[in-house]
Amino acid sequence: MNRIILSKVKQFEKLAVKFPELKYLGDKVLRQKTRNVLLKEGLEIGEKLGDMLVKYRKITGMGRGLAAPQIGISKSVFVTYVNDQVQIFINPEIVDRSSDENYYRELCLSCGVVWGDVKRPSKVTMKWMDENGQMRQEKMDGVIARLWQHEYDHLQGVVNLDRAEPGSIEFVTTNPLLEKLRDIK
């Protein structure tokens, strides 16, 4: 077990050097509620986030989203990487959450090699401005609903470990890509 943890810590150290703009738990910017932006600024931030997320994924094979506070910008923008595409969300707002929930052991680029079991609504409806300046609203479920909630939390000054079930926070010692959503019984 110690060997696995040491290996993860060494990998984290290399990533911290390669991506010095990434902010980690303890940085004040991760605790601030973000401010809305105009389209031009949102696109600039979104493109920067998307470029970084793609580079991070090429190195690690992981990372599905990145929010502006995670690179030190307290603005309301995040990106996701789904189906080999980056999508930019400008001034997003979750407008509805389902009452049914599920669990998932969430990892976060800003929390290094630590994760925890997080309970979240299984479906959400979110509205946001897209890359063309159009307002969109969509209902999503499954892993994408979770991803949206995780990134939206960053814009509210909340990290996944804040929502982790008591006693579930631990070092990552298994492959995060094998994690599955779990229903609440």
C-alpha atoms as a PDB file:
ATOM      1  CA  MET A   1       0.000   0.000   0.000  1.00  0.00           C
ATOM      2  CA  ASN A   2       2.778   2.478   0.917  1.00  0.00           C
ATOM      3  CA  ARG A   3       4.494   1.793  -2.412  1.00  0.00           C
ATOM      4  CA  ILE A   4       1.298   2.660  -4.312  1.00  0.00           C
ATOM      5  CA  ILE A   5       0.826   5.884  -2.340  1.00  0.00           C
ATOM      6  CA  LEU A   6       4.480   6.899  -2.875  1.00  0.00           C
ATOM      7  CA  SER A   7       4.105   6.239  -6.605  1.00  0.00           C
ATOM      8  CA  LYS A   8       0.975   8.438  -6.736  1.00  0.00           C
ATOM      9  CA  VAL A   9       2.712  11.217  -4.779  1.00  0.00           C
ATOM     10  CA  LYS A  10       5.683  11.151  -7.192  1.00  0.00           C
ATOM     11  CA  GLN A  11       3.307  11.349 -10.162  1.00  0.00           C
ATOM     12  CA  PHE A  12       1.489  14.257  -8.469  1.00  0.00           C
ATOM     13  CA  GLU A  13       4.805  16.061  -7.912  1.00  0.00           C
ATOM     14  CA  LYS A  14       5.660  15.772 -11.632  1.00  0.00           C
ATOM     15  CA  LEU A  15       2.215  17.101 -12.604  1.00  0.00           C
ATOM     16  CA  ALA A  16       2.515  20.010 -10.159  1.00  0.00           C
ATOM     17  CA  VAL A  17       5.780  21.007 -11.854  1.00  0.00           C
ATOM     18  CA  LYS A  18       4.393  20.561 -15.385  1.00  0.00           C
ATOM     19  CA  PHE A  19       1.193  22.534 -14.607  1.00  0.00           C
ATOM     20  CA  PRO A  20       2.290  25.324 -12.224  1.00  0.00           C
ATOM     21  CA  GLU A  21      -0.925  27.303 -12.850  1.00  0.00           C
ATOM     22  CA  LEU A  22      -3.073  24.587 -11.229  1.00  0.00           C
ATOM     23  CA  LYS A  23      -4.300  25.528  -7.760  1.00  0.00           C
ATOM     24  CA  TYR A  24      -4.613  22.988  -4.955  1.00  0.00           C
ATOM     25  CA  LEU A  25      -6.661  22.589  -1.822  1.00  0.00           C
ATOM     26  CA  GLY A  26      -5.599  25.333   0.578  1.00  0.00           C
ATOM     27  CA  ASP A  27      -5.414  28.041  -2.092  1.00  0.00           C
ATOM     28  CA  LYS A  28      -7.877  30.862  -1.301  1.00  0.00           C
ATOM     29  CA  VAL A  29      -9.164  31.101  -4.872  1.00  0.00           C
ATOM     30  CA  LEU A  30     -10.753  27.646  -4.565  1.00  0.00           C
ATOM     31  CA  ARG A  31     -12.940  28.977  -1.730  1.00  0.00           C
ATOM     32  CA  GLN A  32     -14.270  32.072  -3.494  1.00  0.00           C
ATOM     33  CA  LYS A  33     -17.604  32.335  -5.262  1.00  0.00           C
ATOM     34  CA  THR A  34     -16.866  33.360  -8.848  1.00  0.00           C
ATOM     35  CA  ARG A  35     -18.092  36.383 -10.811  1.00  0.00           C
ATOM     36  CA  ASN A  36     -19.966  36.205 -14.121  1.00  0.00           C
ATOM     37  CA  VAL A  37     -18.191  37.177 -17.335  1.00  0.00           C
ATOM     38  CA  LEU A  38     -19.041  38.548 -20.762  1.00  0.00           C
ATOM     39  CA  LEU A  39     -18.786  36.211 -23.759  1.00  0.00           C
ATOM     40  CA  LYS A  40     -15.341  37.365 -24.980  1.00  0.00           C
ATOM     41  CA  GLU A  41     -13.682  36.904 -21.597  1.00  0.00           C
ATOM     42  CA  GLY A  42     -15.528  33.626 -21.045  1.00  0.00           C
ATOM     43  CA  LEU A  43     -14.237  32.275 -24.358  1.00  0.00           C
ATOM     44  CA  GLU A  44     -10.661  33.318 -23.567  1.00  0.00           C
ATOM     45  CA  ILE A  45     -10.801  31.608 -20.181  1.00  0.00           C
ATOM     46  CA  GLY A  46     -12.579  28.581 -21.637  1.00  0.00           C
ATOM     47  CA  GLU A  47      -9.976  28.131 -24.372  1.00  0.00           C
ATOM     48  CA  LYS A  48      -7.169  28.334 -21.808  1.00  0.00           C
ATOM     49  CA  LEU A  49      -8.946  25.770 -19.602  1.00  0.00           C
ATOM     50  CA  GLY A  50      -9.624  23.486 -22.559  1.00  0.00           C
ATOM     51  CA  ASP A  51      -6.010  23.578 -23.744  1.00  0.00           C
ATOM     52  CA  MET A  52      -4.761  22.744 -20.274  1.00  0.00           C
ATOM     53  CA  LEU A  53      -7.276  19.932 -19.779  1.00  0.00           C
ATOM     54  CA  VAL A  54      -6.332  18.318 -23.101  1.00  0.00           C
ATOM     55  CA  LYS A  55      -2.613  18.486 -22.197  1.00  0.00           C
ATOM     56  CA  TYR A  56      -3.328  17.045 -18.746  1.00  0.00           C
ATOM     57  CA  ARG A  57      -5.330  14.194 -20.300  1.00  0.00           C
ATOM     58  CA  LYS A  58      -2.511  13.393 -22.758  1.00  0.00           C
ATOM     59  CA  ILE A  59      -0.131  12.913 -19.852  1.00  0.00           C
ATOM     60  CA  THR A  60      -2.417  11.158 -17.344  1.00  0.00           C
ATOM     61  CA  GLY A  61      -5.319   9.729 -19.355  1.00  0.00           C
ATOM     62  CA  MET A  62      -7.634  11.344 -16.790  1.00  0.00           C
ATOM     63  CA  GLY A  63      -9.496  14.577 -16.214  1.00  0.00           C
ATOM     64  CA  ARG A  64     -13.012  15.303 -17.460  1.00  0.00           C
ATOM     65  CA  GLY A  65     -13.417  18.901 -16.385  1.00  0.00           C
ATOM     66  CA  LEU A  66     -11.608  22.008 -15.247  1.00  0.00           C
ATOM     67  CA  ALA A  67     -12.998  25.212 -13.727  1.00  0.00           C
ATOM     68  CA  ALA A  68     -11.503  28.706 -13.833  1.00  0.00           C
ATOM     69  CA  PRO A  69     -10.737  28.849 -10.072  1.00  0.00           C
ATOM     70  CA  GLN A  70      -8.520  25.777 -10.528  1.00  0.00           C
ATOM     71  CA  ILE A  71      -6.124  27.960 -12.528  1.00  0.00           C
ATOM     72  CA  GLY A  72      -6.454  30.974 -10.231  1.00  0.00           C
ATOM     73  CA  ILE A  73      -9.230  32.830 -12.068  1.00  0.00           C
ATOM     74  CA  SER A  74     -12.298  33.627  -9.961  1.00  0.00           C
ATOM     75  CA  LYS A  75     -14.686  33.773 -12.927  1.00  0.00           C
ATOM     76  CA  SER A  76     -17.745  31.678 -13.747  1.00  0.00           C
ATOM     77  CA  VAL A  77     -16.405  29.415 -16.496  1.00  0.00           C
ATOM     78  CA  PHE A  78     -15.690  25.711 -16.700  1.00  0.00           C
ATOM     79  CA  VAL A  79     -14.950  23.194 -19.422  1.00  0.00           C
ATOM     80  CA  THR A  80     -15.679  19.511 -19.841  1.00  0.00           C
ATOM     81  CA  TYR A  81     -14.039  16.884 -22.005  1.00  0.00           C
ATOM     82  CA  VAL A  82     -16.658  14.407 -23.194  1.00  0.00           C
ATOM     83  CA  ASN A  83     -16.691  12.272 -26.347  1.00  0.00           C
ATOM     84  CA  ASP A  84     -13.270  13.647 -27.326  1.00  0.00           C
ATOM     85  CA  GLN A  85     -14.553  17.232 -27.323  1.00  0.00           C
ATOM     86  CA  VAL A  86     -14.031  20.226 -25.067  1.00  0.00           C
ATOM     87  CA  GLN A  87     -17.209  22.114 -24.225  1.00  0.00           C
ATOM     88  CA  ILE A  88     -17.147  25.587 -22.639  1.00  0.00           C
ATOM     89  CA  PHE A  89     -19.767  26.589 -20.053  1.00  0.00           C
ATOM     90  CA  ILE A  90     -19.979  30.346 -19.410  1.00  0.00           C
ATOM     91  CA  ASN A  91     -21.915  31.633 -16.376  1.00  0.00           C
ATOM     92  CA  PRO A  92     -23.551  28.240 -15.727  1.00  0.00           C
ATOM     93  CA  GLU A  93     -26.317  27.804 -13.194  1.00  0.00           C
ATOM     94  CA  ILE A  94     -27.900  24.604 -11.963  1.00  0.00           C
ATOM     95  CA  VAL A  95     -31.623  25.340 -11.995  1.00  0.00           C
ATOM     96  CA  ASP A  96     -33.007  21.942 -10.927  1.00  0.00           C
ATOM     97  CA  ARG A  97     -31.782  18.833  -9.126  1.00  0.00           C
ATOM     98  CA  SER A  98     -33.499  15.467  -8.840  1.00  0.00           C
ATOM     99  CA  SER A  99     -34.400  14.044  -5.452  1.00  0.00           C
ATOM    100  CA  ASP A 100     -32.837  10.670  -6.301  1.00  0.00           C
ATOM    101  CA  GLU A 101     -29.107  10.495  -5.617  1.00  0.00           C
ATOM    102  CA  ASN A 102     -26.110   8.276  -6.212  1.00  0.00           C
ATOM    103  CA  TYR A 103     -22.547   7.814  -4.965  1.00  0.00           C
ATOM    104  CA  TYR A 104     -19.255   8.063  -6.776  1.00  0.00           C
ATOM    105  CA  ARG A 105     -15.707   8.184  -5.475  1.00  0.00           C
ATOM    106  CA  GLU A 106     -14.661  11.578  -6.847  1.00  0.00           C
ATOM    107  CA  LEU A 107     -11.153  12.633  -7.684  1.00  0.00           C
ATOM    108  CA  CYS A 108     -10.256  16.261  -8.415  1.00  0.00           C
ATOM    109  CA  LEU A 109      -7.230  17.813 -10.091  1.00  0.00           C
ATOM    110  CA  SER A 110      -7.100  20.312  -7.190  1.00  0.00           C
ATOM    111  CA  CYS A 111      -7.099  17.631  -4.490  1.00  0.00           C
ATOM    112  CA  GLY A 112      -4.030  15.730  -5.674  1.00  0.00           C
ATOM    113  CA  VAL A 113      -3.955  12.064  -4.711  1.00  0.00           C
ATOM    114  CA  VAL A 114      -6.925  12.096  -2.332  1.00  0.00           C
ATOM    115  CA  TRP A 115     -10.548  11.265  -3.109  1.00  0.00           C
ATOM    116  CA  GLY A 116     -13.805  10.586  -1.314  1.00  0.00           C
ATOM    117  CA  ASP A 117     -17.292   9.154  -1.747  1.00  0.00           C
ATOM    118  CA  VAL A 118     -19.622  11.967  -2.773  1.00  0.00           C
ATOM    119  CA  LYS A 119     -23.421  11.750  -2.836  1.00  0.00           C
ATOM    120  CA  ARG A 120     -25.058  13.919  -5.491  1.00  0.00           C
ATOM    121  CA  PRO A 121     -28.422  14.189  -7.275  1.00  0.00           C
ATOM    122  CA  SER A 122     -28.524  11.759 -10.192  1.00  0.00           C
ATOM    123  CA  LYS A 123     -30.069  14.333 -12.568  1.00  0.00           C
ATOM    124  CA  VAL A 124     -29.619  18.079 -12.957  1.00  0.00           C
ATOM    125  CA  THR A 125     -30.839  20.814 -15.251  1.00  0.00           C
ATOM    126  CA  MET A 126     -28.311  23.503 -16.017  1.00  0.00           C
ATOM    127  CA  LYS A 127     -28.424  26.695 -18.037  1.00  0.00           C
ATOM    128  CA  TRP A 128     -25.362  28.443 -19.451  1.00  0.00           C
ATOM    129  CA  MET A 129     -24.016  30.558 -22.281  1.00  0.00           C
ATOM    130  CA  ASP A 130     -22.306  28.507 -24.986  1.00  0.00           C
ATOM    131  CA  GLU A 131     -19.334  29.365 -27.225  1.00  0.00           C
ATOM    132  CA  ASN A 132     -21.650  31.211 -29.652  1.00  0.00           C
ATOM    133  CA  GLY A 133     -23.170  33.447 -26.979  1.00  0.00           C
ATOM    134  CA  GLN A 134     -26.430  31.481 -27.027  1.00  0.00           C
ATOM    135  CA  MET A 135     -28.231  30.632 -23.803  1.00  0.00           C
ATOM    136  CA  ARG A 136     -28.717  26.901 -23.428  1.00  0.00           C
ATOM    137  CA  GLN A 137     -30.575  24.766 -20.923  1.00  0.00           C
ATOM    138  CA  GLU A 138     -30.242  21.017 -20.714  1.00  0.00           C
ATOM    139  CA  LYS A 139     -31.185  18.189 -18.377  1.00  0.00           C
ATOM    140  CA  MET A 140     -28.533  15.547 -17.826  1.00  0.00           C
ATOM    141  CA  ASP A 141     -28.157  12.357 -15.812  1.00  0.00           C
ATOM    142  CA  GLY A 142     -25.448   9.826 -15.032  1.00  0.00           C
ATOM    143  CA  VAL A 143     -21.758  10.647 -15.053  1.00  0.00           C
ATOM    144  CA  ILE A 144     -22.261  13.872 -17.020  1.00  0.00           C
ATOM    145  CA  ALA A 145     -24.715  15.222 -14.424  1.00  0.00           C
ATOM    146  CA  ARG A 146     -22.104  14.470 -11.781  1.00  0.00           C
ATOM    147  CA  LEU A 147     -19.365  16.149 -13.815  1.00  0.00           C
ATOM    148  CA  TRP A 148     -21.467  19.283 -14.240  1.00  0.00           C
ATOM    149  CA  GLN A 149     -22.166  19.409 -10.486  1.00  0.00           C
ATOM    150  CA  HIS A 150     -18.498  18.871  -9.607  1.00  0.00           C
ATOM    151  CA  GLU A 151     -17.323  21.705 -11.874  1.00  0.00           C
ATOM    152  CA  TYR A 152     -20.208  23.991 -10.888  1.00  0.00           C
ATOM    153  CA  ASP A 153     -19.233  23.489  -7.227  1.00  0.00           C
ATOM    154  CA  HIS A 154     -15.802  24.943  -8.041  1.00  0.00           C
ATOM    155  CA  LEU A 155     -17.550  28.118  -9.185  1.00  0.00           C
ATOM    156  CA  GLN A 156     -19.290  28.262  -5.794  1.00  0.00           C
ATOM    157  CA  GLY A 157     -16.052  27.862  -3.804  1.00  0.00           C
ATOM    158  CA  VAL A 158     -16.695  24.180  -2.982  1.00  0.00           C
ATOM    159  CA  VAL A 159     -14.427  21.194  -3.656  1.00  0.00           C
ATOM    160  CA  ASN A 160     -15.440  17.552  -3.821  1.00  0.00           C
ATOM    161  CA  LEU A 161     -13.862  16.702  -0.460  1.00  0.00           C
ATOM    162  CA  ASP A 162     -16.211  19.208   1.199  1.00  0.00           C
ATOM    163  CA  ARG A 163     -19.091  16.966   0.098  1.00  0.00           C
ATOM    164  CA  ALA A 164     -17.393  13.632   0.825  1.00  0.00           C
ATOM    165  CA  GLU A 165     -19.147  11.216   3.132  1.00  0.00           C
ATOM    166  CA  PRO A 166     -17.581  11.154   6.615  1.00  0.00           C
ATOM    167  CA  GLY A 167     -14.815   8.571   6.815  1.00  0.00           C
ATOM    168  CA  SER A 168     -14.555   8.108   3.027  1.00  0.00           C
ATOM    169  CA  ILE A 169     -11.614  10.415   2.270  1.00  0.00           C
ATOM    170  CA  GLU A 170      -8.509   8.403   1.440  1.00  0.00           C
ATOM    171  CA  PHE A 171      -5.423   8.195  -0.764  1.00  0.00           C
ATOM    172  CA  VAL A 172      -6.133   6.986  -4.289  1.00  0.00           C
ATOM    173  CA  THR A 173      -4.779   3.438  -4.425  1.00  0.00           C
ATOM    174  CA  THR A 174      -6.867   1.989  -7.276  1.00  0.00           C
ATOM    175  CA  ASN A 175      -7.499   3.000 -10.869  1.00  0.00           C
ATOM    176  CA  PRO A 176      -9.938   5.965 -10.909  1.00  0.00           C
ATOM    177  CA  LEU A 177     -10.987   5.066 -14.462  1.00  0.00           C
ATOM    178  CA  LEU A 178     -12.659   1.934 -13.076  1.00  0.00           C
ATOM    179  CA  GLU A 179     -14.975   3.873 -10.747  1.00  0.00           C
ATOM    180  CA  LYS A 180     -18.735   3.440 -11.329  1.00  0.00           C
ATOM    181  CA  LEU A 181     -21.799   5.300 -10.136  1.00  0.00           C
ATOM    182  CA  ARG A 182     -23.457   3.487  -7.246  1.00  0.00           C
ATOM    183  CA  ASP A 183     -27.136   3.732  -6.362  1.00  0.00           C
ATOM    184  CA  ILE A 184     -28.112   4.652  -2.828  1.00  0.00           C
ATOM    185  CA  LYS A 185     -29.821   1.758  -1.146  1.00  0.00           C
END
